[in-house]
Amino acid sequence: MSKLLLFIGENEQFDKDTVVQQIRKIVGVRNDKEGNFIGSVFEAEYAVNNESYIVRLSDDLETITVDGIDDNSLDFVLQLKTLLMIPLQVVDMDYSFHLELANVNSLVQLKEEIRKGV
């Protein structure tokens, strides 16, 4: 399964408490837990439209991963971008695109930017 990687910039860290707090605000987030997991300090499930996605904050606090690249996971990214109110970038695991999300405000727009590629 493909994943989306969200980050601020090279070697820039998220504030763990802020990220966790904002992810928990998103409707559909459940089974969230903090701890020292393999490669992450926070994990949650995002369930919407009979689909389920795992969201993780990396243990170095530099990336947030979201399972899948479909409308639901992309919508999660947009919701989180709005809640965090910081400049975010997103890439997929294959690096077929790398986008700055500052001026992306809709699912249609995000999908169009992804279609264009890097």
PDB file of N, CA and C in Angstrom:
ATOM      1  N   MET A   1       0.837  -1.186   0.000  1.00  0.00           N
ATOM      2  CA  MET A   1       0.000   0.000   0.000  1.00  0.00           C
ATOM      3  C   MET A   1       0.879   1.245   0.000  1.00  0.00           C
ATOM      4  N   SER A   2       0.498   2.201  -0.782  1.00  0.00           N
ATOM      5  CA  SER A   2       1.220   3.468  -0.837  1.00  0.00           C
ATOM      6  C   SER A   2       0.914   4.310   0.390  1.00  0.00           C
ATOM      7  N   LYS A   3       1.802   5.228   0.656  1.00  0.00           N
ATOM      8  CA  LYS A   3       1.641   6.126   1.798  1.00  0.00           C
ATOM      9  C   LYS A   3       1.948   7.547   1.386  1.00  0.00           C
ATOM     10  N   LEU A   4       1.377   8.463   2.129  1.00  0.00           N
ATOM     11  CA  LEU A   4       1.700   9.878   1.995  1.00  0.00           C
ATOM     12  C   LEU A   4       2.622  10.261   3.136  1.00  0.00           C
ATOM     13  N   LEU A   5       3.624  11.053   2.843  1.00  0.00           N
ATOM     14  CA  LEU A   5       4.544  11.560   3.859  1.00  0.00           C
ATOM     15  C   LEU A   5       4.380  13.069   3.939  1.00  0.00           C
ATOM     16  N   LEU A   6       4.042  13.546   5.111  1.00  0.00           N
ATOM     17  CA  LEU A   6       3.914  14.982   5.355  1.00  0.00           C
ATOM     18  C   LEU A   6       5.112  15.450   6.156  1.00  0.00           C
ATOM     19  N   PHE A   7       5.648  16.597   5.790  1.00  0.00           N
ATOM     20  CA  PHE A   7       6.769  17.150   6.542  1.00  0.00           C
ATOM     21  C   PHE A   7       6.778  18.663   6.390  1.00  0.00           C
ATOM     22  N   ILE A   8       7.528  19.314   7.263  1.00  0.00           N
ATOM     23  CA  ILE A   8       7.623  20.778   7.231  1.00  0.00           C
ATOM     24  C   ILE A   8       8.741  21.191   6.286  1.00  0.00           C
ATOM     25  N   GLY A   9       9.913  20.658   6.513  1.00  0.00           N
ATOM     26  CA  GLY A   9      11.097  20.942   5.716  1.00  0.00           C
ATOM     27  C   GLY A   9      12.198  20.012   6.173  1.00  0.00           C
ATOM     28  N   GLU A  10      13.296  20.024   5.465  1.00  0.00           N
ATOM     29  CA  GLU A  10      14.399  19.136   5.802  1.00  0.00           C
ATOM     30  C   GLU A  10      14.880  19.394   7.223  1.00  0.00           C
ATOM     31  N   ASN A  11      14.943  18.324   8.014  1.00  0.00           N
ATOM     32  CA  ASN A  11      15.401  18.357   9.405  1.00  0.00           C
ATOM     33  C   ASN A  11      14.560  19.243  10.323  1.00  0.00           C
ATOM     34  N   GLU A  12      13.338  19.577   9.917  1.00  0.00           N
ATOM     35  CA  GLU A  12      12.447  20.349  10.785  1.00  0.00           C
ATOM     36  C   GLU A  12      11.494  19.395  11.487  1.00  0.00           C
ATOM     37  N   GLN A  13      11.272  19.662  12.766  1.00  0.00           N
ATOM     38  CA  GLN A  13      10.441  18.776  13.566  1.00  0.00           C
ATOM     39  C   GLN A  13       9.066  19.372  13.854  1.00  0.00           C
ATOM     40  N   PHE A  14       8.087  18.478  13.889  1.00  0.00           N
ATOM     41  CA  PHE A  14       6.755  18.847  14.344  1.00  0.00           C
ATOM     42  C   PHE A  14       6.768  18.959  15.862  1.00  0.00           C
ATOM     43  N   ASP A  15       5.882  19.758  16.396  1.00  0.00           N
ATOM     44  CA  ASP A  15       5.649  19.773  17.835  1.00  0.00           C
ATOM     45  C   ASP A  15       4.703  18.612  18.137  1.00  0.00           C
ATOM     46  N   LYS A  16       5.192  17.637  18.872  1.00  0.00           N
ATOM     47  CA  LYS A  16       4.427  16.413  19.109  1.00  0.00           C
ATOM     48  C   LYS A  16       3.063  16.703  19.718  1.00  0.00           C
ATOM     49  N   ASP A  17       3.026  17.492  20.777  1.00  0.00           N
ATOM     50  CA  ASP A  17       1.759  17.750  21.467  1.00  0.00           C
ATOM     51  C   ASP A  17       0.738  18.407  20.546  1.00  0.00           C
ATOM     52  N   THR A  18       1.188  19.352  19.745  1.00  0.00           N
ATOM     53  CA  THR A  18       0.284  20.038  18.818  1.00  0.00           C
ATOM     54  C   THR A  18      -0.250  19.077  17.763  1.00  0.00           C
ATOM     55  N   VAL A  19       0.626  18.279  17.172  1.00  0.00           N
ATOM     56  CA  VAL A  19       0.207  17.330  16.138  1.00  0.00           C
ATOM     57  C   VAL A  19      -0.799  16.330  16.701  1.00  0.00           C
ATOM     58  N   VAL A  20      -0.486  15.764  17.842  1.00  0.00           N
ATOM     59  CA  VAL A  20      -1.383  14.779  18.457  1.00  0.00           C
ATOM     60  C   VAL A  20      -2.737  15.410  18.758  1.00  0.00           C
ATOM     61  N   GLN A  21      -2.718  16.590  19.334  1.00  0.00           N
ATOM     62  CA  GLN A  21      -3.958  17.289  19.671  1.00  0.00           C
ATOM     63  C   GLN A  21      -4.806  17.550  18.425  1.00  0.00           C
ATOM     64  N   GLN A  22      -4.185  18.006  17.357  1.00  0.00           N
ATOM     65  CA  GLN A  22      -4.927  18.340  16.143  1.00  0.00           C
ATOM     66  C   GLN A  22      -5.425  17.090  15.409  1.00  0.00           C
ATOM     67  N   ILE A  23      -4.625  16.042  15.368  1.00  0.00           N
ATOM     68  CA  ILE A  23      -5.082  14.798  14.738  1.00  0.00           C
ATOM     69  C   ILE A  23      -6.309  14.269  15.465  1.00  0.00           C
ATOM     70  N   ARG A  24      -6.294  14.341  16.782  1.00  0.00           N
ATOM     71  CA  ARG A  24      -7.429  13.841  17.568  1.00  0.00           C
ATOM     72  C   ARG A  24      -8.714  14.620  17.295  1.00  0.00           C
ATOM     73  N   LYS A  25      -8.620  15.831  16.769  1.00  0.00           N
ATOM     74  CA  LYS A  25      -9.801  16.643  16.456  1.00  0.00           C
ATOM     75  C   LYS A  25     -10.502  16.208  15.165  1.00  0.00           C
ATOM     76  N   ILE A  26      -9.817  15.460  14.328  1.00  0.00           N
ATOM     77  CA  ILE A  26     -10.375  15.090  13.025  1.00  0.00           C
ATOM     78  C   ILE A  26     -11.420  13.987  13.210  1.00  0.00           C
ATOM     79  N   VAL A  27     -12.605  14.239  12.687  1.00  0.00           N
ATOM     80  CA  VAL A  27     -13.691  13.263  12.770  1.00  0.00           C
ATOM     81  C   VAL A  27     -13.267  11.982  12.057  1.00  0.00           C
ATOM     82  N   GLY A  28     -13.425  10.860  12.734  1.00  0.00           N
ATOM     83  CA  GLY A  28     -13.041   9.568  12.177  1.00  0.00           C
ATOM     84  C   GLY A  28     -11.762   9.015  12.773  1.00  0.00           C
ATOM     85  N   VAL A  29     -11.038   9.837  13.528  1.00  0.00           N
ATOM     86  CA  VAL A  29      -9.813   9.360  14.175  1.00  0.00           C
ATOM     87  C   VAL A  29     -10.202   8.586  15.431  1.00  0.00           C
ATOM     88  N   ARG A  30      -9.634   7.397  15.561  1.00  0.00           N
ATOM     89  CA  ARG A  30      -9.927   6.547  16.716  1.00  0.00           C
ATOM     90  C   ARG A  30      -8.719   5.672  17.009  1.00  0.00           C
ATOM     91  N   ASN A  31      -8.796   4.958  18.108  1.00  0.00           N
ATOM     92  CA  ASN A  31      -7.724   4.039  18.517  1.00  0.00           C
ATOM     93  C   ASN A  31      -6.363   4.728  18.531  1.00  0.00           C
ATOM     94  N   ASP A  32      -6.350   5.986  18.962  1.00  0.00           N
ATOM     95  CA  ASP A  32      -5.092   6.729  18.996  1.00  0.00           C
ATOM     96  C   ASP A  32      -4.308   6.363  20.246  1.00  0.00           C
ATOM     97  N   LYS A  33      -2.993   6.313  20.084  1.00  0.00           N
ATOM     98  CA  LYS A  33      -2.140   5.969  21.219  1.00  0.00           C
ATOM     99  C   LYS A  33      -0.772   6.613  21.067  1.00  0.00           C
ATOM    100  N   GLU A  34      -0.239   7.014  22.189  1.00  0.00           N
ATOM    101  CA  GLU A  34       1.114   7.561  22.246  1.00  0.00           C
ATOM    102  C   GLU A  34       2.014   6.532  22.901  1.00  0.00           C
ATOM    103  N   GLY A  35       3.283   6.526  22.507  1.00  0.00           N
ATOM    104  CA  GLY A  35       4.234   5.597  23.090  1.00  0.00           C
ATOM    105  C   GLY A  35       5.485   5.523  22.248  1.00  0.00           C
ATOM    106  N   ASN A  36       6.307   4.558  22.561  1.00  0.00           N
ATOM    107  CA  ASN A  36       7.526   4.328  21.789  1.00  0.00           C
ATOM    108  C   ASN A  36       7.319   3.090  20.938  1.00  0.00           C
ATOM    109  N   PHE A  37       6.752   3.305  19.761  1.00  0.00           N
ATOM    110  CA  PHE A  37       6.517   2.221  18.831  1.00  0.00           C
ATOM    111  C   PHE A  37       7.703   2.147  17.873  1.00  0.00           C
ATOM    112  N   ILE A  38       7.762   1.113  17.085  1.00  0.00           N
ATOM    113  CA  ILE A  38       8.844   1.000  16.114  1.00  0.00           C
ATOM    114  C   ILE A  38       8.676   2.107  15.081  1.00  0.00           C
ATOM    115  N   GLY A  39       9.537   3.109  15.144  1.00  0.00           N
ATOM    116  CA  GLY A  39       9.538   4.197  14.176  1.00  0.00           C
ATOM    117  C   GLY A  39       8.540   5.306  14.414  1.00  0.00           C
ATOM    118  N   SER A  40       7.734   5.217  15.468  1.00  0.00           N
ATOM    119  CA  SER A  40       6.756   6.280  15.700  1.00  0.00           C
ATOM    120  C   SER A  40       6.504   6.502  17.192  1.00  0.00           C
ATOM    121  N   VAL A  41       6.003   7.697  17.490  1.00  0.00           N
ATOM    122  CA  VAL A  41       5.654   8.044  18.871  1.00  0.00           C
ATOM    123  C   VAL A  41       4.148   8.233  19.041  1.00  0.00           C
ATOM    124  N   PHE A  42       3.432   8.216  17.918  1.00  0.00           N
ATOM    125  CA  PHE A  42       1.975   8.345  17.950  1.00  0.00           C
ATOM    126  C   PHE A  42       1.401   7.597  16.761  1.00  0.00           C
ATOM    127  N   GLU A  43       0.327   6.875  17.016  1.00  0.00           N
ATOM    128  CA  GLU A  43      -0.379   6.159  15.960  1.00  0.00           C
ATOM    129  C   GLU A  43      -1.873   6.326  16.173  1.00  0.00           C
ATOM    130  N   ALA A  44      -2.598   6.377  15.092  1.00  0.00           N
ATOM    131  CA  ALA A  44      -4.055   6.445  15.164  1.00  0.00           C
ATOM    132  C   ALA A  44      -4.638   5.811  13.914  1.00  0.00           C
ATOM    133  N   GLU A  45      -5.904   5.483  14.013  1.00  0.00           N
ATOM    134  CA  GLU A  45      -6.645   4.973  12.871  1.00  0.00           C
ATOM    135  C   GLU A  45      -7.603   6.069  12.423  1.00  0.00           C
ATOM    136  N   TYR A  46      -7.672   6.280  11.131  1.00  0.00           N
ATOM    137  CA  TYR A  46      -8.626   7.220  10.547  1.00  0.00           C
ATOM    138  C   TYR A  46      -9.613   6.381   9.760  1.00  0.00           C
ATOM    139  N   ALA A  47     -10.859   6.355  10.221  1.00  0.00           N
ATOM    140  CA  ALA A  47     -11.889   5.533   9.590  1.00  0.00           C
ATOM    141  C   ALA A  47     -12.957   6.428   8.985  1.00  0.00           C
ATOM    142  N   VAL A  48     -13.180   6.256   7.681  1.00  0.00           N
ATOM    143  CA  VAL A  48     -14.165   7.057   6.971  1.00  0.00           C
ATOM    144  C   VAL A  48     -14.636   6.282   5.742  1.00  0.00           C
ATOM    145  N   ASN A  49     -15.919   6.406   5.421  1.00  0.00           N
ATOM    146  CA  ASN A  49     -16.482   5.763   4.223  1.00  0.00           C
ATOM    147  C   ASN A  49     -16.142   4.275   4.134  1.00  0.00           C
ATOM    148  N   ASN A  50     -16.274   3.577   5.246  1.00  0.00           N
ATOM    149  CA  ASN A  50     -16.006   2.133   5.318  1.00  0.00           C
ATOM    150  C   ASN A  50     -14.569   1.761   4.978  1.00  0.00           C
ATOM    151  N   GLU A  51     -13.665   2.714   5.080  1.00  0.00           N
ATOM    152  CA  GLU A  51     -12.233   2.476   4.864  1.00  0.00           C
ATOM    153  C   GLU A  51     -11.484   2.870   6.133  1.00  0.00           C
ATOM    154  N   SER A  52     -10.289   2.319   6.302  1.00  0.00           N
ATOM    155  CA  SER A  52      -9.487   2.603   7.485  1.00  0.00           C
ATOM    156  C   SER A  52      -8.041   2.868   7.071  1.00  0.00           C
ATOM    157  N   TYR A  53      -7.434   3.855   7.701  1.00  0.00           N
ATOM    158  CA  TYR A  53      -6.076   4.294   7.373  1.00  0.00           C
ATOM    159  C   TYR A  53      -5.289   4.465   8.668  1.00  0.00           C
ATOM    160  N   ILE A  54      -4.036   4.104   8.652  1.00  0.00           N
ATOM    161  CA  ILE A  54      -3.173   4.311   9.812  1.00  0.00           C
ATOM    162  C   ILE A  54      -2.393   5.603   9.609  1.00  0.00           C
ATOM    163  N   VAL A  55      -2.353   6.404  10.666  1.00  0.00           N
ATOM    164  CA  VAL A  55      -1.629   7.677  10.677  1.00  0.00           C
ATOM    165  C   VAL A  55      -0.560   7.566  11.754  1.00  0.00           C
ATOM    166  N   ARG A  56       0.657   7.977  11.439  1.00  0.00           N
ATOM    167  CA  ARG A  56       1.758   7.884  12.406  1.00  0.00           C
ATOM    168  C   ARG A  56       2.591   9.160  12.407  1.00  0.00           C
ATOM    169  N   LEU A  57       3.059   9.530  13.585  1.00  0.00           N
ATOM    170  CA  LEU A  57       4.056  10.590  13.741  1.00  0.00           C
ATOM    171  C   LEU A  57       5.373   9.891  14.031  1.00  0.00           C
ATOM    172  N   SER A  58       6.383  10.150  13.196  1.00  0.00           N
ATOM    173  CA  SER A  58       7.665   9.450  13.324  1.00  0.00           C
ATOM    174  C   SER A  58       8.353   9.776  14.644  1.00  0.00           C
ATOM    175  N   ASP A  59       9.202   8.851  15.082  1.00  0.00           N
ATOM    176  CA  ASP A  59       9.892   9.046  16.356  1.00  0.00           C
ATOM    177  C   ASP A  59      10.895  10.194  16.323  1.00  0.00           C
ATOM    178  N   ASP A  60      11.335  10.614  15.130  1.00  0.00           N
ATOM    179  CA  ASP A  60      12.207  11.793  15.047  1.00  0.00           C
ATOM    180  C   ASP A  60      11.394  13.084  14.891  1.00  0.00           C
ATOM    181  N   LEU A  61      10.063  12.948  14.876  1.00  0.00           N
ATOM    182  CA  LEU A  61       9.108  14.064  14.778  1.00  0.00           C
ATOM    183  C   LEU A  61       9.209  14.839  13.464  1.00  0.00           C
ATOM    184  N   GLU A  62       9.837  14.244  12.451  1.00  0.00           N
ATOM    185  CA  GLU A  62      10.025  14.941  11.176  1.00  0.00           C
ATOM    186  C   GLU A  62       8.962  14.618  10.136  1.00  0.00           C
ATOM    187  N   THR A  63       8.244  13.503  10.291  1.00  0.00           N
ATOM    188  CA  THR A  63       7.242  13.132   9.289  1.00  0.00           C
ATOM    189  C   THR A  63       5.966  12.596   9.932  1.00  0.00           C
ATOM    190  N   ILE A  64       4.880  12.828   9.224  1.00  0.00           N
ATOM    191  CA  ILE A  64       3.601  12.204   9.529  1.00  0.00           C
ATOM    192  C   ILE A  64       3.279  11.345   8.315  1.00  0.00           C
ATOM    193  N   THR A  65       2.992  10.070   8.530  1.00  0.00           N
ATOM    194  CA  THR A  65       2.624   9.204   7.414  1.00  0.00           C
ATOM    195  C   THR A  65       1.139   8.882   7.484  1.00  0.00           C
ATOM    196  N   VAL A  66       0.547   8.800   6.318  1.00  0.00           N
ATOM    197  CA  VAL A  66      -0.865   8.438   6.185  1.00  0.00           C
ATOM    198  C   VAL A  66      -0.939   7.324   5.157  1.00  0.00           C
ATOM    199  N   ASP A  67      -1.484   6.181   5.556  1.00  0.00           N
ATOM    200  CA  ASP A  67      -1.639   5.074   4.617  1.00  0.00           C
ATOM    201  C   ASP A  67      -2.589   5.459   3.499  1.00  0.00           C
ATOM    202  N   GLY A  68      -2.251   5.028   2.295  1.00  0.00           N
ATOM    203  CA  GLY A  68      -3.135   5.198   1.156  1.00  0.00           C
ATOM    204  C   GLY A  68      -2.962   6.504   0.419  1.00  0.00           C
ATOM    205  N   ILE A  69      -3.361   6.474  -0.836  1.00  0.00           N
ATOM    206  CA  ILE A  69      -3.409   7.687  -1.661  1.00  0.00           C
ATOM    207  C   ILE A  69      -4.736   7.640  -2.406  1.00  0.00           C
ATOM    208  N   ASP A  70      -5.777   7.997  -1.698  1.00  0.00           N
ATOM    209  CA  ASP A  70      -7.101   8.068  -2.300  1.00  0.00           C
ATOM    210  C   ASP A  70      -7.800   9.311  -1.751  1.00  0.00           C
ATOM    211  N   ASP A  71      -9.036   9.507  -2.136  1.00  0.00           N
ATOM    212  CA  ASP A  71      -9.737  10.720  -1.712  1.00  0.00           C
ATOM    213  C   ASP A  71      -9.795  10.858  -0.195  1.00  0.00           C
ATOM    214  N   ASN A  72      -9.988   9.741   0.511  1.00  0.00           N
ATOM    215  CA  ASN A  72     -10.090   9.805   1.969  1.00  0.00           C
ATOM    216  C   ASN A  72      -8.776  10.233   2.619  1.00  0.00           C
ATOM    217  N   SER A  73      -7.677   9.626   2.198  1.00  0.00           N
ATOM    218  CA  SER A  73      -6.387   9.978   2.798  1.00  0.00           C
ATOM    219  C   SER A  73      -5.970  11.394   2.402  1.00  0.00           C
ATOM    220  N   LEU A  74      -6.278  11.787   1.173  1.00  0.00           N
ATOM    221  CA  LEU A  74      -5.965  13.155   0.744  1.00  0.00           C
ATOM    222  C   LEU A  74      -6.801  14.170   1.514  1.00  0.00           C
ATOM    223  N   ASP A  75      -8.057  13.828   1.785  1.00  0.00           N
ATOM    224  CA  ASP A  75      -8.907  14.709   2.580  1.00  0.00           C
ATOM    225  C   ASP A  75      -8.364  14.846   3.999  1.00  0.00           C
ATOM    226  N   PHE A  76      -7.850  13.750   4.561  1.00  0.00           N
ATOM    227  CA  PHE A  76      -7.230  13.810   5.884  1.00  0.00           C
ATOM    228  C   PHE A  76      -6.069  14.801   5.873  1.00  0.00           C
ATOM    229  N   VAL A  77      -5.237  14.717   4.848  1.00  0.00           N
ATOM    230  CA  VAL A  77      -4.090  15.627   4.716  1.00  0.00           C
ATOM    231  C   VAL A  77      -4.557  17.080   4.706  1.00  0.00           C
ATOM    232  N   LEU A  78      -5.594  17.367   3.949  1.00  0.00           N
ATOM    233  CA  LEU A  78      -6.104  18.742   3.875  1.00  0.00           C
ATOM    234  C   LEU A  78      -6.675  19.206   5.211  1.00  0.00           C
ATOM    235  N   GLN A  79      -7.372  18.313   5.899  1.00  0.00           N
ATOM    236  CA  GLN A  79      -7.901  18.675   7.214  1.00  0.00           C
ATOM    237  C   GLN A  79      -6.767  18.971   8.192  1.00  0.00           C
ATOM    238  N   LEU A  80      -5.744  18.124   8.186  1.00  0.00           N
ATOM    239  CA  LEU A  80      -4.620  18.323   9.100  1.00  0.00           C
ATOM    240  C   LEU A  80      -3.866  19.602   8.767  1.00  0.00           C
ATOM    241  N   LYS A  81      -3.685  19.867   7.494  1.00  0.00           N
ATOM    242  CA  LYS A  81      -3.025  21.111   7.061  1.00  0.00           C
ATOM    243  C   LYS A  81      -3.756  22.319   7.630  1.00  0.00           C
ATOM    244  N   THR A  82      -5.070  22.306   7.555  1.00  0.00           N
ATOM    245  CA  THR A  82      -5.875  23.416   8.060  1.00  0.00           C
ATOM    246  C   THR A  82      -5.741  23.551   9.571  1.00  0.00           C
ATOM    247  N   LEU A  83      -5.755  22.440  10.277  1.00  0.00           N
ATOM    248  CA  LEU A  83      -5.674  22.473  11.735  1.00  0.00           C
ATOM    249  C   LEU A  83      -4.295  22.888  12.240  1.00  0.00           C
ATOM    250  N   LEU A  84      -3.241  22.424  11.575  1.00  0.00           N
ATOM    251  CA  LEU A  84      -1.883  22.735  12.046  1.00  0.00           C
ATOM    252  C   LEU A  84      -1.467  24.168  11.732  1.00  0.00           C
ATOM    253  N   MET A  85      -1.972  24.711  10.657  1.00  0.00           N
ATOM    254  CA  MET A  85      -1.665  26.091  10.267  1.00  0.00           C
ATOM    255  C   MET A  85      -0.169  26.366  10.146  1.00  0.00           C
ATOM    256  N   ILE A  86       0.564  25.395   9.608  1.00  0.00           N
ATOM    257  CA  ILE A  86       1.988  25.569   9.315  1.00  0.00           C
ATOM    258  C   ILE A  86       2.213  25.107   7.877  1.00  0.00           C
ATOM    259  N   PRO A  87       3.260  25.603   7.223  1.00  0.00           N
ATOM    260  CA  PRO A  87       3.528  25.169   5.847  1.00  0.00           C
ATOM    261  C   PRO A  87       3.910  23.686   5.822  1.00  0.00           C
ATOM    262  N   LEU A  88       3.153  22.909   5.086  1.00  0.00           N
ATOM    263  CA  LEU A  88       3.427  21.481   4.977  1.00  0.00           C
ATOM    264  C   LEU A  88       3.779  21.122   3.545  1.00  0.00           C
ATOM    265  N   GLN A  89       4.575  20.073   3.428  1.00  0.00           N
ATOM    266  CA  GLN A  89       4.880  19.484   2.135  1.00  0.00           C
ATOM    267  C   GLN A  89       4.423  18.034   2.173  1.00  0.00           C
ATOM    268  N   VAL A  90       4.096  17.489   1.013  1.00  0.00           N
ATOM    269  CA  VAL A  90       3.668  16.099   0.937  1.00  0.00           C
ATOM    270  C   VAL A  90       4.337  15.422  -0.254  1.00  0.00           C
ATOM    271  N   VAL A  91       4.761  14.189  -0.035  1.00  0.00           N
ATOM    272  CA  VAL A  91       5.287  13.326  -1.093  1.00  0.00           C
ATOM    273  C   VAL A  91       4.648  11.955  -0.914  1.00  0.00           C
ATOM    274  N   ASP A  92       4.702  11.147  -1.970  1.00  0.00           N
ATOM    275  CA  ASP A  92       4.284   9.759  -1.818  1.00  0.00           C
ATOM    276  C   ASP A  92       5.537   8.899  -1.678  1.00  0.00           C
ATOM    277  N   MET A  93       5.346   7.653  -1.344  1.00  0.00           N
ATOM    278  CA  MET A  93       6.487   6.762  -1.100  1.00  0.00           C
ATOM    279  C   MET A  93       7.343   6.545  -2.347  1.00  0.00           C
ATOM    280  N   ASP A  94       6.755   6.723  -3.522  1.00  0.00           N
ATOM    281  CA  ASP A  94       7.499   6.555  -4.770  1.00  0.00           C
ATOM    282  C   ASP A  94       8.120   7.864  -5.255  1.00  0.00           C
ATOM    283  N   TYR A  95       7.890   8.931  -4.516  1.00  0.00           N
ATOM    284  CA  TYR A  95       8.361  10.269  -4.890  1.00  0.00           C
ATOM    285  C   TYR A  95       7.903  10.660  -6.297  1.00  0.00           C
ATOM    286  N   SER A  96       6.694  10.244  -6.659  1.00  0.00           N
ATOM    287  CA  SER A  96       6.157  10.622  -7.967  1.00  0.00           C
ATOM    288  C   SER A  96       5.613  12.047  -7.948  1.00  0.00           C
ATOM    289  N   PHE A  97       5.463  12.598  -6.758  1.00  0.00           N
ATOM    290  CA  PHE A  97       5.110  14.010  -6.619  1.00  0.00           C
ATOM    291  C   PHE A  97       5.673  14.543  -5.316  1.00  0.00           C
ATOM    292  N   HIS A  98       5.899  15.831  -5.284  1.00  0.00           N
ATOM    293  CA  HIS A  98       6.370  16.554  -4.099  1.00  0.00           C
ATOM    294  C   HIS A  98       5.688  17.912  -4.147  1.00  0.00           C
ATOM    295  N   LEU A  99       4.773  18.131  -3.225  1.00  0.00           N
ATOM    296  CA  LEU A  99       3.970  19.349  -3.261  1.00  0.00           C
ATOM    297  C   LEU A  99       4.089  20.152  -1.981  1.00  0.00           C
ATOM    298  N   GLU A 100       4.117  21.451  -2.143  1.00  0.00           N
ATOM    299  CA  GLU A 100       3.937  22.336  -1.001  1.00  0.00           C
ATOM    300  C   GLU A 100       2.449  22.611  -0.920  1.00  0.00           C
ATOM    301  N   LEU A 101       1.886  22.463   0.268  1.00  0.00           N
ATOM    302  CA  LEU A 101       0.437  22.537   0.422  1.00  0.00           C
ATOM    303  C   LEU A 101      -0.093  23.924   0.762  1.00  0.00           C
ATOM    304  N   ALA A 102       0.773  24.908   0.854  1.00  0.00           N
ATOM    305  CA  ALA A 102       0.351  26.246   1.285  1.00  0.00           C
ATOM    306  C   ALA A 102      -0.806  26.800   0.470  1.00  0.00           C
ATOM    307  N   ASN A 103      -0.792  26.594  -0.829  1.00  0.00           N
ATOM    308  CA  ASN A 103      -1.830  27.166  -1.689  1.00  0.00           C
ATOM    309  C   ASN A 103      -2.825  26.133  -2.203  1.00  0.00           C
ATOM    310  N   VAL A 104      -2.814  24.959  -1.603  1.00  0.00           N
ATOM    311  CA  VAL A 104      -3.759  23.909  -1.988  1.00  0.00           C
ATOM    312  C   VAL A 104      -4.889  23.909  -0.969  1.00  0.00           C
ATOM    313  N   ASN A 105      -6.109  24.145  -1.452  1.00  0.00           N
ATOM    314  CA  ASN A 105      -7.218  24.322  -0.520  1.00  0.00           C
ATOM    315  C   ASN A 105      -8.408  23.407  -0.764  1.00  0.00           C
ATOM    316  N   SER A 106      -8.311  22.527  -1.749  1.00  0.00           N
ATOM    317  CA  SER A 106      -9.435  21.628  -2.003  1.00  0.00           C
ATOM    318  C   SER A 106      -8.922  20.280  -2.483  1.00  0.00           C
ATOM    319  N   LEU A 107      -9.770  19.289  -2.349  1.00  0.00           N
ATOM    320  CA  LEU A 107      -9.425  17.956  -2.817  1.00  0.00           C
ATOM    321  C   LEU A 107      -9.205  17.948  -4.326  1.00  0.00           C
ATOM    322  N   VAL A 108     -10.046  18.642  -5.056  1.00  0.00           N
ATOM    323  CA  VAL A 108      -9.904  18.719  -6.516  1.00  0.00           C
ATOM    324  C   VAL A 108      -8.549  19.325  -6.881  1.00  0.00           C
ATOM    325  N   GLN A 109      -8.187  20.397  -6.217  1.00  0.00           N
ATOM    326  CA  GLN A 109      -6.913  21.068  -6.485  1.00  0.00           C
ATOM    327  C   GLN A 109      -5.737  20.161  -6.126  1.00  0.00           C
ATOM    328  N   LEU A 110      -5.824  19.481  -4.993  1.00  0.00           N
ATOM    329  CA  LEU A 110      -4.746  18.587  -4.578  1.00  0.00           C
ATOM    330  C   LEU A 110      -4.573  17.447  -5.583  1.00  0.00           C
ATOM    331  N   LYS A 111      -5.656  16.856  -6.014  1.00  0.00           N
ATOM    332  CA  LYS A 111      -5.577  15.772  -7.000  1.00  0.00           C
ATOM    333  C   LYS A 111      -4.992  16.255  -8.322  1.00  0.00           C
ATOM    334  N   GLU A 112      -5.327  17.457  -8.724  1.00  0.00           N
ATOM    335  CA  GLU A 112      -4.776  18.025  -9.962  1.00  0.00           C
ATOM    336  C   GLU A 112      -3.267  18.229  -9.833  1.00  0.00           C
ATOM    337  N   GLU A 113      -2.819  18.738  -8.699  1.00  0.00           N
ATOM    338  CA  GLU A 113      -1.382  18.938  -8.478  1.00  0.00           C
ATOM    339  C   GLU A 113      -0.644  17.601  -8.462  1.00  0.00           C
ATOM    340  N   ILE A 114      -1.246  16.594  -7.857  1.00  0.00           N
ATOM    341  CA  ILE A 114      -0.635  15.264  -7.838  1.00  0.00           C
ATOM    342  C   ILE A 114      -0.545  14.712  -9.261  1.00  0.00           C
ATOM    343  N   ARG A 115      -1.592  14.897 -10.036  1.00  0.00           N
ATOM    344  CA  ARG A 115      -1.611  14.411 -11.419  1.00  0.00           C
ATOM    345  C   ARG A 115      -0.473  15.031 -12.232  1.00  0.00           C
ATOM    346  N   LYS A 116      -0.163  16.295 -11.956  1.00  0.00           N
ATOM    347  CA  LYS A 116       0.928  16.977 -12.664  1.00  0.00           C
ATOM    348  C   LYS A 116       2.277  16.372 -12.322  1.00  0.00           C
ATOM    349  N   GLY A 117       2.405  15.798 -11.135  1.00  0.00           N
ATOM    350  CA  GLY A 117       3.662  15.190 -10.713  1.00  0.00           C
ATOM    351  C   GLY A 117       4.590  16.187 -10.061  1.00  0.00           C
ATOM    352  N   VAL A 118       5.855  15.812 -10.013  1.00  0.00           N
ATOM    353  CA  VAL A 118       6.876  16.591  -9.300  1.00  0.00           C
ATOM    354  C   VAL A 118       6.998  17.987  -9.855  1.00  0.00           C
TER     355      VAL A 118
END
